[in-house]
């Protein structure tokens, strides 16, 4: 009886310490790997005047910390509604770093980056 109980306890411990962590790590999305072509690709630069022309719901670029982002595809999904359009074609740094944004927004914004702001 003791052997059976010890086997069951060891089986449970094995599942808790070995199997479950492996299952959890598979369900966590992996960070996207940047190909060597993307790393070697020249970064495009945009003037403030060029960014300013993209100031509509259907063509929306913003500037955040001297980087240019095309957020046109995100405008309709923006949880803050039309607030994203308040600085369309302009610098949105202050609003972007406001208290209303969860930390995940800092990870997802990189997907929209199209270049640097000419200084």
PDB file of N, CA and C in Angstrom:
ATOM      1  N   UNK A   1       0.819  -1.194   0.000  1.00  0.00           N
ATOM      2  CA  UNK A   1       0.000   0.000   0.000  1.00  0.00           C
ATOM      3  C   UNK A   1       0.865   1.261   0.000  1.00  0.00           C
ATOM      4  N   UNK A   2       1.930   1.226   0.771  1.00  0.00           N
ATOM      5  CA  UNK A   2       2.826   2.388   0.832  1.00  0.00           C
ATOM      6  C   UNK A   2       3.517   2.620  -0.503  1.00  0.00           C
ATOM      7  N   UNK A   3       3.830   1.546  -1.188  1.00  0.00           N
ATOM      8  CA  UNK A   3       4.490   1.678  -2.486  1.00  0.00           C
ATOM      9  C   UNK A   3       3.540   2.333  -3.498  1.00  0.00           C
ATOM     10  N   UNK A   4       2.290   1.939  -3.466  1.00  0.00           N
ATOM     11  CA  UNK A   4       1.297   2.522  -4.379  1.00  0.00           C
ATOM     12  C   UNK A   4       1.111   4.007  -4.073  1.00  0.00           C
ATOM     13  N   UNK A   5       1.012   4.350  -2.803  1.00  0.00           N
ATOM     14  CA  UNK A   5       0.850   5.745  -2.399  1.00  0.00           C
ATOM     15  C   UNK A   5       2.074   6.576  -2.809  1.00  0.00           C
ATOM     16  N   UNK A   6       3.270   6.048  -2.605  1.00  0.00           N
ATOM     17  CA  UNK A   6       4.499   6.749  -2.987  1.00  0.00           C
ATOM     18  C   UNK A   6       4.556   6.949  -4.500  1.00  0.00           C
ATOM     19  N   UNK A   7       4.116   5.953  -5.255  1.00  0.00           N
ATOM     20  CA  UNK A   7       4.115   6.050  -6.718  1.00  0.00           C
ATOM     21  C   UNK A   7       3.147   7.130  -7.186  1.00  0.00           C
ATOM     22  N   UNK A   8       1.973   7.175  -6.562  1.00  0.00           N
ATOM     23  CA  UNK A   8       0.989   8.197  -6.921  1.00  0.00           C
ATOM     24  C   UNK A   8       1.526   9.589  -6.603  1.00  0.00           C
ATOM     25  N   UNK A   9       2.114   9.766  -5.429  1.00  0.00           N
ATOM     26  CA  UNK A   9       2.670  11.064  -5.031  1.00  0.00           C
ATOM     27  C   UNK A   9       3.785  11.471  -5.983  1.00  0.00           C
ATOM     28  N   UNK A  10       4.665  10.551  -6.329  1.00  0.00           N
ATOM     29  CA  UNK A  10       5.754  10.862  -7.263  1.00  0.00           C
ATOM     30  C   UNK A  10       5.197  11.220  -8.644  1.00  0.00           C
ATOM     31  N   UNK A  11       4.150  10.536  -9.063  1.00  0.00           N
ATOM     32  CA  UNK A  11       3.527  10.841 -10.351  1.00  0.00           C
ATOM     33  C   UNK A  11       2.949  12.246 -10.365  1.00  0.00           C
ATOM     34  N   UNK A  12       2.300  12.637  -9.280  1.00  0.00           N
ATOM     35  CA  UNK A  12       1.731  13.987  -9.184  1.00  0.00           C
ATOM     36  C   UNK A  12       2.836  15.030  -9.189  1.00  0.00           C
ATOM     37  N   UNK A  13       3.889  14.795  -8.413  1.00  0.00           N
ATOM     38  CA  UNK A  13       5.014  15.740  -8.379  1.00  0.00           C
ATOM     39  C   UNK A  13       5.675  15.864  -9.748  1.00  0.00           C
ATOM     40  N   UNK A  14       5.808  14.731 -10.432  1.00  0.00           N
ATOM     41  CA  UNK A  14       6.384  14.745 -11.764  1.00  0.00           C
ATOM     42  C   UNK A  14       5.544  15.619 -12.697  1.00  0.00           C
ATOM     43  N   UNK A  15       4.248  15.466 -12.632  1.00  0.00           N
ATOM     44  CA  UNK A  15       3.356  16.260 -13.477  1.00  0.00           C
ATOM     45  C   UNK A  15       3.454  17.743 -13.136  1.00  0.00           C
ATOM     46  N   UNK A  16       3.485  18.067 -11.859  1.00  0.00           N
ATOM     47  CA  UNK A  16       3.512  19.467 -11.435  1.00  0.00           C
ATOM     48  C   UNK A  16       4.823  20.146 -11.811  1.00  0.00           C
ATOM     49  N   UNK A  17       5.940  19.477 -11.612  1.00  0.00           N
ATOM     50  CA  UNK A  17       7.238  20.132 -11.799  1.00  0.00           C
ATOM     51  C   UNK A  17       7.852  19.962 -13.185  1.00  0.00           C
ATOM     52  N   UNK A  18       7.403  18.991 -13.952  1.00  0.00           N
ATOM     53  CA  UNK A  18       8.032  18.763 -15.253  1.00  0.00           C
ATOM     54  C   UNK A  18       7.051  18.948 -16.399  1.00  0.00           C
ATOM     55  N   UNK A  19       5.938  18.300 -16.365  1.00  0.00           N
ATOM     56  CA  UNK A  19       5.020  18.308 -17.490  1.00  0.00           C
ATOM     57  C   UNK A  19       4.280  19.635 -17.624  1.00  0.00           C
ATOM     58  N   UNK A  20       3.698  20.158 -16.556  1.00  0.00           N
ATOM     59  CA  UNK A  20       2.910  21.392 -16.627  1.00  0.00           C
ATOM     60  C   UNK A  20       3.729  22.602 -17.080  1.00  0.00           C
ATOM     61  N   UNK A  21       4.949  22.823 -16.560  1.00  0.00           N
ATOM     62  CA  UNK A  21       5.718  23.969 -17.061  1.00  0.00           C
ATOM     63  C   UNK A  21       6.003  23.890 -18.560  1.00  0.00           C
ATOM     64  N   UNK A  22       6.220  22.686 -19.066  1.00  0.00           N
ATOM     65  CA  UNK A  22       6.453  22.528 -20.508  1.00  0.00           C
ATOM     66  C   UNK A  22       5.210  22.866 -21.304  1.00  0.00           C
ATOM     67  N   UNK A  23       4.060  22.464 -20.807  1.00  0.00           N
ATOM     68  CA  UNK A  23       2.813  22.780 -21.495  1.00  0.00           C
ATOM     69  C   UNK A  23       2.562  24.279 -21.506  1.00  0.00           C
ATOM     70  N   UNK A  24       2.827  24.937 -20.383  1.00  0.00           N
ATOM     71  CA  UNK A  24       2.629  26.384 -20.301  1.00  0.00           C
ATOM     72  C   UNK A  24       3.574  27.124 -21.233  1.00  0.00           C
ATOM     73  N   UNK A  25       4.821  26.695 -21.328  1.00  0.00           N
ATOM     74  CA  UNK A  25       5.781  27.397 -22.178  1.00  0.00           C
ATOM     75  C   UNK A  25       5.419  27.270 -23.648  1.00  0.00           C
ATOM     76  N   UNK A  26       4.742  26.203 -24.044  1.00  0.00           N
ATOM     77  CA  UNK A  26       4.319  26.053 -25.431  1.00  0.00           C
ATOM     78  C   UNK A  26       3.169  26.985 -25.761  1.00  0.00           C
ATOM     79  N   UNK A  27       2.347  27.313 -24.772  1.00  0.00           N
ATOM     80  CA  UNK A  27       1.191  28.163 -25.036  1.00  0.00           C
ATOM     81  C   UNK A  27       1.542  29.642 -25.022  1.00  0.00           C
ATOM     82  N   UNK A  28       2.710  30.015 -24.526  1.00  0.00           N
ATOM     83  CA  UNK A  28       3.135  31.412 -24.511  1.00  0.00           C
ATOM     84  C   UNK A  28       3.659  31.765 -25.900  1.00  0.00           C
ATOM     85  N   UNK A  29       3.104  32.807 -26.528  1.00  0.00           N
ATOM     86  CA  UNK A  29       3.556  33.151 -27.876  1.00  0.00           C
ATOM     87  C   UNK A  29       5.019  33.579 -27.863  1.00  0.00           C
ATOM     88  N   UNK A  30       5.746  33.135 -28.855  1.00  0.00           N
ATOM     89  CA  UNK A  30       7.160  33.472 -28.971  1.00  0.00           C
ATOM     90  C   UNK A  30       7.295  34.821 -29.654  1.00  0.00           C
ATOM     91  N   UNK A  31       8.332  35.565 -29.286  1.00  0.00           N
ATOM     92  CA  UNK A  31       8.585  36.844 -29.938  1.00  0.00           C
ATOM     93  C   UNK A  31       8.979  36.584 -31.381  1.00  0.00           C
ATOM     94  N   UNK A  32       8.540  37.466 -32.236  1.00  0.00           N
ATOM     95  CA  UNK A  32       8.819  37.335 -33.645  1.00  0.00           C
ATOM     96  C   UNK A  32      10.304  37.541 -33.890  1.00  0.00           C
ATOM     97  N   UNK A  33      10.889  36.638 -34.661  1.00  0.00           N
ATOM     98  CA  UNK A  33      12.296  36.779 -35.000  1.00  0.00           C
ATOM     99  C   UNK A  33      12.409  37.660 -36.229  1.00  0.00           C
ATOM    100  N   UNK A  34      13.356  38.573 -36.194  1.00  0.00           N
ATOM    101  CA  UNK A  34      13.575  39.465 -37.311  1.00  0.00           C
ATOM    102  C   UNK A  34      14.565  38.797 -38.244  1.00  0.00           C
ATOM    103  N   UNK A  35      14.209  38.688 -39.512  1.00  0.00           N
ATOM    104  CA  UNK A  35      15.091  38.050 -40.475  1.00  0.00           C
ATOM    105  C   UNK A  35      16.314  38.926 -40.704  1.00  0.00           C
ATOM    106  N   UNK A  36      17.365  38.317 -41.205  1.00  0.00           N
ATOM    107  CA  UNK A  36      18.580  39.086 -41.456  1.00  0.00           C
ATOM    108  C   UNK A  36      18.337  40.128 -42.539  1.00  0.00           C
ATOM    109  N   UNK A  37      17.412  39.856 -43.475  1.00  0.00           N
ATOM    110  CA  UNK A  37      17.082  40.851 -44.495  1.00  0.00           C
ATOM    111  C   UNK A  37      16.449  42.075 -43.864  1.00  0.00           C
ATOM    112  N   UNK A  38      15.562  41.874 -42.892  1.00  0.00           N
ATOM    113  CA  UNK A  38      14.905  42.997 -42.230  1.00  0.00           C
ATOM    114  C   UNK A  38      15.911  43.803 -41.416  1.00  0.00           C
ATOM    115  N   UNK A  39      16.892  43.126 -40.845  1.00  0.00           N
ATOM    116  CA  UNK A  39      17.892  43.829 -40.048  1.00  0.00           C
ATOM    117  C   UNK A  39      18.784  44.682 -40.938  1.00  0.00           C
ATOM    118  N   UNK A  40      19.056  44.216 -42.139  1.00  0.00           N
ATOM    119  CA  UNK A  40      19.945  44.939 -43.046  1.00  0.00           C
ATOM    120  C   UNK A  40      19.208  45.986 -43.872  1.00  0.00           C
ATOM    121  N   UNK A  41      17.897  45.972 -43.839  1.00  0.00           N
ATOM    122  CA  UNK A  41      17.079  46.896 -44.612  1.00  0.00           C
ATOM    123  C   UNK A  41      17.288  48.325 -44.113  1.00  0.00           C
ATOM    124  N   UNK A  42      17.462  49.237 -45.045  1.00  0.00           N
ATOM    125  CA  UNK A  42      17.664  50.631 -44.679  1.00  0.00           C
ATOM    126  C   UNK A  42      16.378  51.191 -44.068  1.00  0.00           C
ATOM    127  N   UNK A  43      16.541  51.996 -43.042  1.00  0.00           N
ATOM    128  CA  UNK A  43      15.396  52.613 -42.380  1.00  0.00           C
ATOM    129  C   UNK A  43      15.009  53.856 -43.168  1.00  0.00           C
ATOM    130  N   UNK A  44      13.741  53.963 -43.486  1.00  0.00           N
ATOM    131  CA  UNK A  44      13.237  55.113 -44.235  1.00  0.00           C
ATOM    132  C   UNK A  44      13.039  56.286 -43.282  1.00  0.00           C
ATOM    133  N   UNK A  45      13.306  57.476 -43.756  1.00  0.00           N
ATOM    134  CA  UNK A  45      13.102  58.694 -42.970  1.00  0.00           C
ATOM    135  C   UNK A  45      12.016  59.537 -43.615  1.00  0.00           C
ATOM    136  N   UNK A  46      11.209  60.169 -42.764  1.00  0.00           N
ATOM    137  CA  UNK A  46      10.101  60.996 -43.223  1.00  0.00           C
ATOM    138  C   UNK A  46      10.207  62.372 -42.587  1.00  0.00           C
ATOM    139  N   UNK A  47       9.869  63.396 -43.371  1.00  0.00           N
ATOM    140  CA  UNK A  47       9.845  64.756 -42.825  1.00  0.00           C
ATOM    141  C   UNK A  47       8.523  64.965 -42.094  1.00  0.00           C
ATOM    142  N   UNK A  48       8.484  65.999 -41.240  1.00  0.00           N
ATOM    143  CA  UNK A  48       7.228  66.329 -40.545  1.00  0.00           C
ATOM    144  C   UNK A  48       6.146  66.698 -41.546  1.00  0.00           C
ATOM    145  N   UNK A  49       6.525  67.369 -42.608  1.00  0.00           N
ATOM    146  CA  UNK A  49       5.559  67.765 -43.635  1.00  0.00           C
ATOM    147  C   UNK A  49       4.952  66.537 -44.313  1.00  0.00           C
ATOM    148  N   UNK A  50       5.781  65.532 -44.558  1.00  0.00           N
ATOM    149  CA  UNK A  50       5.281  64.310 -45.188  1.00  0.00           C
ATOM    150  C   UNK A  50       4.321  63.566 -44.261  1.00  0.00           C
ATOM    151  N   UNK A  51       4.664  63.497 -42.989  1.00  0.00           N
ATOM    152  CA  UNK A  51       3.795  62.841 -42.008  1.00  0.00           C
ATOM    153  C   UNK A  51       2.478  63.605 -41.893  1.00  0.00           C
ATOM    154  N   UNK A  52       2.547  64.921 -41.935  1.00  0.00           N
ATOM    155  CA  UNK A  52       1.350  65.762 -41.770  1.00  0.00           C
ATOM    156  C   UNK A  52       0.297  65.506 -42.849  1.00  0.00           C
ATOM    157  N   UNK A  53       0.709  65.028 -44.017  1.00  0.00           N
ATOM    158  CA  UNK A  53      -0.254  64.736 -45.091  1.00  0.00           C
ATOM    159  C   UNK A  53      -1.106  63.497 -44.797  1.00  0.00           C
ATOM    160  N   UNK A  54      -0.700  62.701 -43.842  1.00  0.00           N
ATOM    161  CA  UNK A  54      -1.410  61.458 -43.495  1.00  0.00           C
ATOM    162  C   UNK A  54      -2.210  61.692 -42.214  1.00  0.00           C
ATOM    163  N   UNK A  55      -3.275  62.475 -42.326  1.00  0.00           N
ATOM    164  CA  UNK A  55      -3.990  62.955 -41.141  1.00  0.00           C
ATOM    165  C   UNK A  55      -5.480  62.625 -41.146  1.00  0.00           C
ATOM    166  N   UNK A  56      -5.833  61.533 -41.808  1.00  0.00           N
ATOM    167  CA  UNK A  56      -7.248  61.154 -41.906  1.00  0.00           C
ATOM    168  C   UNK A  56      -7.477  59.755 -41.327  1.00  0.00           C
ATOM    169  N   UNK A  57      -8.715  59.458 -41.077  1.00  0.00           N
ATOM    170  CA  UNK A  57      -9.101  58.132 -40.584  1.00  0.00           C
ATOM    171  C   UNK A  57      -8.617  57.035 -41.544  1.00  0.00           C
ATOM    172  N   UNK A  58      -8.695  57.308 -42.840  1.00  0.00           N
ATOM    173  CA  UNK A  58      -8.334  56.316 -43.851  1.00  0.00           C
ATOM    174  C   UNK A  58      -6.859  56.364 -44.245  1.00  0.00           C
ATOM    175  N   UNK A  59      -6.119  57.260 -43.641  1.00  0.00           N
ATOM    176  CA  UNK A  59      -4.684  57.410 -43.911  1.00  0.00           C
ATOM    177  C   UNK A  59      -4.069  58.131 -42.716  1.00  0.00           C
ATOM    178  N   UNK A  60      -3.706  57.359 -41.696  1.00  0.00           N
ATOM    179  CA  UNK A  60      -3.320  57.941 -40.410  1.00  0.00           C
ATOM    180  C   UNK A  60      -1.907  57.528 -40.003  1.00  0.00           C
ATOM    181  N   UNK A  61      -1.013  58.510 -40.009  1.00  0.00           N
ATOM    182  CA  UNK A  61       0.340  58.310 -39.509  1.00  0.00           C
ATOM    183  C   UNK A  61       0.496  59.155 -38.251  1.00  0.00           C
ATOM    184  N   UNK A  62       1.298  58.663 -37.320  1.00  0.00           N
ATOM    185  CA  UNK A  62       1.600  59.431 -36.118  1.00  0.00           C
ATOM    186  C   UNK A  62       3.104  59.344 -35.827  1.00  0.00           C
ATOM    187  N   UNK A  63       3.551  60.275 -35.024  1.00  0.00           N
ATOM    188  CA  UNK A  63       4.952  60.304 -34.590  1.00  0.00           C
ATOM    189  C   UNK A  63       4.979  60.001 -33.101  1.00  0.00           C
ATOM    190  N   UNK A  64       5.852  59.079 -32.715  1.00  0.00           N
ATOM    191  CA  UNK A  64       6.073  58.787 -31.298  1.00  0.00           C
ATOM    192  C   UNK A  64       7.578  58.692 -31.096  1.00  0.00           C
ATOM    193  N   UNK A  65       8.097  59.594 -30.305  1.00  0.00           N
ATOM    194  CA  UNK A  65       9.537  59.627 -30.003  1.00  0.00           C
ATOM    195  C   UNK A  65      10.401  59.533 -31.255  1.00  0.00           C
ATOM    196  N   UNK A  66      10.154  60.422 -32.189  1.00  0.00           N
ATOM    197  CA  UNK A  66      10.940  60.532 -33.418  1.00  0.00           C
ATOM    198  C   UNK A  66      10.884  59.291 -34.316  1.00  0.00           C
ATOM    199  N   UNK A  67       9.871  58.455 -34.141  1.00  0.00           N
ATOM    200  CA  UNK A  67       9.610  57.314 -35.026  1.00  0.00           C
ATOM    201  C   UNK A  67       8.261  57.566 -35.692  1.00  0.00           C
ATOM    202  N   UNK A  68       8.102  57.104 -36.909  1.00  0.00           N
ATOM    203  CA  UNK A  68       6.867  57.306 -37.662  1.00  0.00           C
ATOM    204  C   UNK A  68       6.119  55.974 -37.735  1.00  0.00           C
ATOM    205  N   UNK A  69       4.820  56.040 -37.454  1.00  0.00           N
ATOM    206  CA  UNK A  69       3.986  54.845 -37.423  1.00  0.00           C
ATOM    207  C   UNK A  69       2.767  55.047 -38.316  1.00  0.00           C
ATOM    208  N   UNK A  70       2.476  54.051 -39.148  1.00  0.00           N
ATOM    209  CA  UNK A  70       1.254  54.058 -39.955  1.00  0.00           C
ATOM    210  C   UNK A  70       0.227  53.230 -39.189  1.00  0.00           C
ATOM    211  N   UNK A  71      -0.699  53.904 -38.530  1.00  0.00           N
ATOM    212  CA  UNK A  71      -1.695  53.231 -37.683  1.00  0.00           C
ATOM    213  C   UNK A  71      -3.070  53.175 -38.358  1.00  0.00           C
ATOM    214  N   UNK A  72      -3.100  53.389 -39.660  1.00  0.00           N
ATOM    215  CA  UNK A  72      -4.365  53.399 -40.397  1.00  0.00           C
ATOM    216  C   UNK A  72      -5.182  52.141 -40.123  1.00  0.00           C
ATOM    217  N   UNK A  73      -4.552  50.998 -40.154  1.00  0.00           N
ATOM    218  CA  UNK A  73      -5.280  49.736 -39.964  1.00  0.00           C
ATOM    219  C   UNK A  73      -5.767  49.551 -38.531  1.00  0.00           C
ATOM    220  N   UNK A  74      -5.275  50.366 -37.611  1.00  0.00           N
ATOM    221  CA  UNK A  74      -5.632  50.224 -36.205  1.00  0.00           C
ATOM    222  C   UNK A  74      -6.687  51.243 -35.750  1.00  0.00           C
ATOM    223  N   UNK A  75      -6.928  52.263 -36.550  1.00  0.00           N
ATOM    224  CA  UNK A  75      -7.824  53.350 -36.147  1.00  0.00           C
ATOM    225  C   UNK A  75      -9.186  52.825 -35.700  1.00  0.00           C
ATOM    226  N   UNK A  76      -9.792  51.942 -36.470  1.00  0.00           N
ATOM    227  CA  UNK A  76     -11.127  51.436 -36.136  1.00  0.00           C
ATOM    228  C   UNK A  76     -11.118  50.523 -34.904  1.00  0.00           C
ATOM    229  N   UNK A  77      -9.980  49.905 -34.608  1.00  0.00           N
ATOM    230  CA  UNK A  77      -9.876  49.001 -33.457  1.00  0.00           C
ATOM    231  C   UNK A  77      -9.465  49.715 -32.170  1.00  0.00           C
ATOM    232  N   UNK A  78      -9.030  50.950 -32.280  1.00  0.00           N
ATOM    233  CA  UNK A  78      -8.490  51.673 -31.130  1.00  0.00           C
ATOM    234  C   UNK A  78      -9.519  51.731 -30.000  1.00  0.00           C
ATOM    235  N   UNK A  79      -9.184  51.184 -28.825  1.00  0.00           N
ATOM    236  CA  UNK A  79     -10.132  51.174 -27.710  1.00  0.00           C
ATOM    237  C   UNK A  79     -10.555  52.563 -27.245  1.00  0.00           C
ATOM    238  N   UNK A  80      -9.733  53.558 -27.512  1.00  0.00           N
ATOM    239  CA  UNK A  80     -10.052  54.929 -27.123  1.00  0.00           C
ATOM    240  C   UNK A  80     -10.847  55.671 -28.177  1.00  0.00           C
ATOM    241  N   UNK A  81     -11.388  54.937 -29.133  1.00  0.00           N
ATOM    242  CA  UNK A  81     -12.196  55.565 -30.180  1.00  0.00           C
ATOM    243  C   UNK A  81     -11.376  56.505 -31.045  1.00  0.00           C
ATOM    244  N   UNK A  82     -11.949  57.661 -31.324  1.00  0.00           N
ATOM    245  CA  UNK A  82     -11.304  58.616 -32.222  1.00  0.00           C
ATOM    246  C   UNK A  82     -10.163  59.394 -31.576  1.00  0.00           C
ATOM    247  N   UNK A  83      -9.846  59.109 -30.347  1.00  0.00           N
ATOM    248  CA  UNK A  83      -8.737  59.816 -29.688  1.00  0.00           C
ATOM    249  C   UNK A  83      -7.437  59.640 -30.456  1.00  0.00           C
ATOM    250  N   UNK A  84      -7.290  58.537 -31.138  1.00  0.00           N
ATOM    251  CA  UNK A  84      -6.079  58.299 -31.922  1.00  0.00           C
ATOM    252  C   UNK A  84      -5.960  59.309 -33.067  1.00  0.00           C
ATOM    253  N   UNK A  85      -7.098  59.860 -33.486  1.00  0.00           N
ATOM    254  CA  UNK A  85      -7.097  60.825 -34.588  1.00  0.00           C
ATOM    255  C   UNK A  85      -6.784  62.249 -34.132  1.00  0.00           C
ATOM    256  N   UNK A  86      -6.770  62.494 -32.825  1.00  0.00           N
ATOM    257  CA  UNK A  86      -6.498  63.836 -32.312  1.00  0.00           C
ATOM    258  C   UNK A  86      -5.156  64.383 -32.788  1.00  0.00           C
ATOM    259  N   UNK A  87      -4.195  63.484 -32.987  1.00  0.00           N
ATOM    260  CA  UNK A  87      -2.862  63.912 -33.432  1.00  0.00           C
ATOM    261  C   UNK A  87      -2.458  63.204 -34.716  1.00  0.00           C
ATOM    262  N   UNK A  88      -3.435  62.834 -35.531  1.00  0.00           N
ATOM    263  CA  UNK A  88      -3.136  62.194 -36.813  1.00  0.00           C
ATOM    264  C   UNK A  88      -2.276  63.133 -37.652  1.00  0.00           C
ATOM    265  N   UNK A  89      -1.189  62.606 -38.174  1.00  0.00           N
ATOM    266  CA  UNK A  89      -0.274  63.423 -38.963  1.00  0.00           C
ATOM    267  C   UNK A  89       0.622  64.300 -38.121  1.00  0.00           C
ATOM    268  N   UNK A  90       0.659  64.046 -36.834  1.00  0.00           N
ATOM    269  CA  UNK A  90       1.414  64.907 -35.919  1.00  0.00           C
ATOM    270  C   UNK A  90       2.065  64.051 -34.822  1.00  0.00           C
ATOM    271  N   UNK A  91       2.672  64.714 -33.862  1.00  0.00           N
ATOM    272  CA  UNK A  91       3.353  64.033 -32.760  1.00  0.00           C
ATOM    273  C   UNK A  91       2.348  63.571 -31.709  1.00  0.00           C
ATOM    274  N   UNK A  92       2.315  62.273 -31.460  1.00  0.00           N
ATOM    275  CA  UNK A  92       1.403  61.670 -30.483  1.00  0.00           C
ATOM    276  C   UNK A  92       2.138  61.137 -29.257  1.00  0.00           C
ATOM    277  N   UNK A  93       3.370  61.538 -29.072  1.00  0.00           N
ATOM    278  CA  UNK A  93       4.186  60.997 -27.984  1.00  0.00           C
ATOM    279  C   UNK A  93       3.521  61.190 -26.627  1.00  0.00           C
ATOM    280  N   UNK A  94       3.080  62.384 -26.345  1.00  0.00           N
ATOM    281  CA  UNK A  94       2.490  62.670 -25.034  1.00  0.00           C
ATOM    282  C   UNK A  94       1.253  61.809 -24.773  1.00  0.00           C
ATOM    283  N   UNK A  95       0.372  61.742 -25.735  1.00  0.00           N
ATOM    284  CA  UNK A  95      -0.836  60.934 -25.577  1.00  0.00           C
ATOM    285  C   UNK A  95      -0.540  59.448 -25.490  1.00  0.00           C
ATOM    286  N   UNK A  96       0.442  58.999 -26.252  1.00  0.00           N
ATOM    287  CA  UNK A  96       0.802  57.581 -26.256  1.00  0.00           C
ATOM    288  C   UNK A  96       1.305  57.133 -24.888  1.00  0.00           C
ATOM    289  N   UNK A  97       2.078  57.969 -24.237  1.00  0.00           N
ATOM    290  CA  UNK A  97       2.628  57.608 -22.928  1.00  0.00           C
ATOM    291  C   UNK A  97       1.721  58.021 -21.770  1.00  0.00           C
ATOM    292  N   UNK A  98       0.475  58.313 -22.068  1.00  0.00           N
ATOM    293  CA  UNK A  98      -0.482  58.686 -21.032  1.00  0.00           C
ATOM    294  C   UNK A  98      -0.893  57.489 -20.190  1.00  0.00           C
ATOM    295  N   UNK A  99      -1.572  57.750 -19.079  1.00  0.00           N
ATOM    296  CA  UNK A  99      -1.946  56.688 -18.140  1.00  0.00           C
ATOM    297  C   UNK A  99      -3.019  55.736 -18.671  1.00  0.00           C
ATOM    298  N   UNK A 100      -3.659  56.083 -19.766  1.00  0.00           N
ATOM    299  CA  UNK A 100      -4.727  55.251 -20.298  1.00  0.00           C
ATOM    300  C   UNK A 100      -4.222  53.993 -21.006  1.00  0.00           C
ATOM    301  N   UNK A 101      -2.948  53.949 -21.348  1.00  0.00           N
ATOM    302  CA  UNK A 101      -2.428  52.807 -22.095  1.00  0.00           C
ATOM    303  C   UNK A 101      -1.833  51.744 -21.183  1.00  0.00           C
ATOM    304  N   UNK A 102      -2.226  50.508 -21.444  1.00  0.00           N
ATOM    305  CA  UNK A 102      -1.639  49.365 -20.739  1.00  0.00           C
ATOM    306  C   UNK A 102      -0.254  49.113 -21.322  1.00  0.00           C
ATOM    307  N   UNK A 103       0.558  48.360 -20.608  1.00  0.00           N
ATOM    308  CA  UNK A 103       1.935  48.126 -21.049  1.00  0.00           C
ATOM    309  C   UNK A 103       2.002  47.346 -22.364  1.00  0.00           C
ATOM    310  N   UNK A 104       0.975  46.588 -22.710  1.00  0.00           N
ATOM    311  CA  UNK A 104       1.024  45.819 -23.963  1.00  0.00           C
ATOM    312  C   UNK A 104       1.071  46.721 -25.191  1.00  0.00           C
ATOM    313  N   UNK A 105       0.598  47.955 -25.065  1.00  0.00           N
ATOM    314  CA  UNK A 105       0.617  48.872 -26.200  1.00  0.00           C
ATOM    315  C   UNK A 105       2.056  49.187 -26.612  1.00  0.00           C
ATOM    316  N   UNK A 106       2.979  49.146 -25.670  1.00  0.00           N
ATOM    317  CA  UNK A 106       4.376  49.439 -25.974  1.00  0.00           C
ATOM    318  C   UNK A 106       5.002  48.329 -26.803  1.00  0.00           C
ATOM    319  N   UNK A 107       4.483  47.124 -26.685  1.00  0.00           N
ATOM    320  CA  UNK A 107       4.983  46.002 -27.489  1.00  0.00           C
ATOM    321  C   UNK A 107       4.352  45.989 -28.874  1.00  0.00           C
ATOM    322  N   UNK A 108       3.070  46.300 -28.958  1.00  0.00           N
ATOM    323  CA  UNK A 108       2.380  46.190 -30.239  1.00  0.00           C
ATOM    324  C   UNK A 108       2.657  47.350 -31.183  1.00  0.00           C
ATOM    325  N   UNK A 109       3.087  48.491 -30.682  1.00  0.00           N
ATOM    326  CA  UNK A 109       3.286  49.650 -31.549  1.00  0.00           C
ATOM    327  C   UNK A 109       4.390  49.411 -32.573  1.00  0.00           C
ATOM    328  N   UNK A 110       5.370  48.606 -32.235  1.00  0.00           N
ATOM    329  CA  UNK A 110       6.474  48.345 -33.162  1.00  0.00           C
ATOM    330  C   UNK A 110       6.000  47.743 -34.482  1.00  0.00           C
ATOM    331  N   UNK A 111       4.887  47.027 -34.451  1.00  0.00           N
ATOM    332  CA  UNK A 111       4.351  46.422 -35.664  1.00  0.00           C
ATOM    333  C   UNK A 111       3.925  47.478 -36.687  1.00  0.00           C
ATOM    334  N   UNK A 112       3.690  48.721 -36.251  1.00  0.00           N
ATOM    335  CA  UNK A 112       3.199  49.779 -37.118  1.00  0.00           C
ATOM    336  C   UNK A 112       4.301  50.742 -37.556  1.00  0.00           C
ATOM    337  N   UNK A 113       5.512  50.555 -37.063  1.00  0.00           N
ATOM    338  CA  UNK A 113       6.612  51.471 -37.377  1.00  0.00           C
ATOM    339  C   UNK A 113       7.006  51.367 -38.851  1.00  0.00           C
ATOM    340  N   UNK A 114       7.079  52.525 -39.507  1.00  0.00           N
ATOM    341  CA  UNK A 114       7.472  52.539 -40.919  1.00  0.00           C
ATOM    342  C   UNK A 114       8.776  53.304 -41.141  1.00  0.00           C
ATOM    343  N   UNK A 115       9.302  53.945 -40.107  1.00  0.00           N
ATOM    344  CA  UNK A 115      10.562  54.665 -40.272  1.00  0.00           C
ATOM    345  C   UNK A 115      10.824  55.676 -39.172  1.00  0.00           C
ATOM    346  N   UNK A 116      11.811  56.508 -39.433  1.00  0.00           N
ATOM    347  CA  UNK A 116      12.231  57.531 -38.487  1.00  0.00           C
ATOM    348  C   UNK A 116      11.788  58.915 -38.969  1.00  0.00           C
ATOM    349  N   UNK A 117      11.669  59.810 -38.013  1.00  0.00           N
ATOM    350  CA  UNK A 117      11.376  61.206 -38.329  1.00  0.00           C
ATOM    351  C   UNK A 117      12.681  61.913 -38.642  1.00  0.00           C
ATOM    352  N   UNK A 118      12.707  62.645 -39.744  1.00  0.00           N
ATOM    353  CA  UNK A 118      13.895  63.440 -40.070  1.00  0.00           C
ATOM    354  C   UNK A 118      14.013  64.554 -39.052  1.00  0.00           C
ATOM    355  N   UNK A 119      15.205  64.730 -38.556  1.00  0.00           N
ATOM    356  CA  UNK A 119      15.407  65.780 -37.550  1.00  0.00           C
ATOM    357  C   UNK A 119      16.304  66.862 -38.111  1.00  0.00           C
TER     358      UNK A 119
END
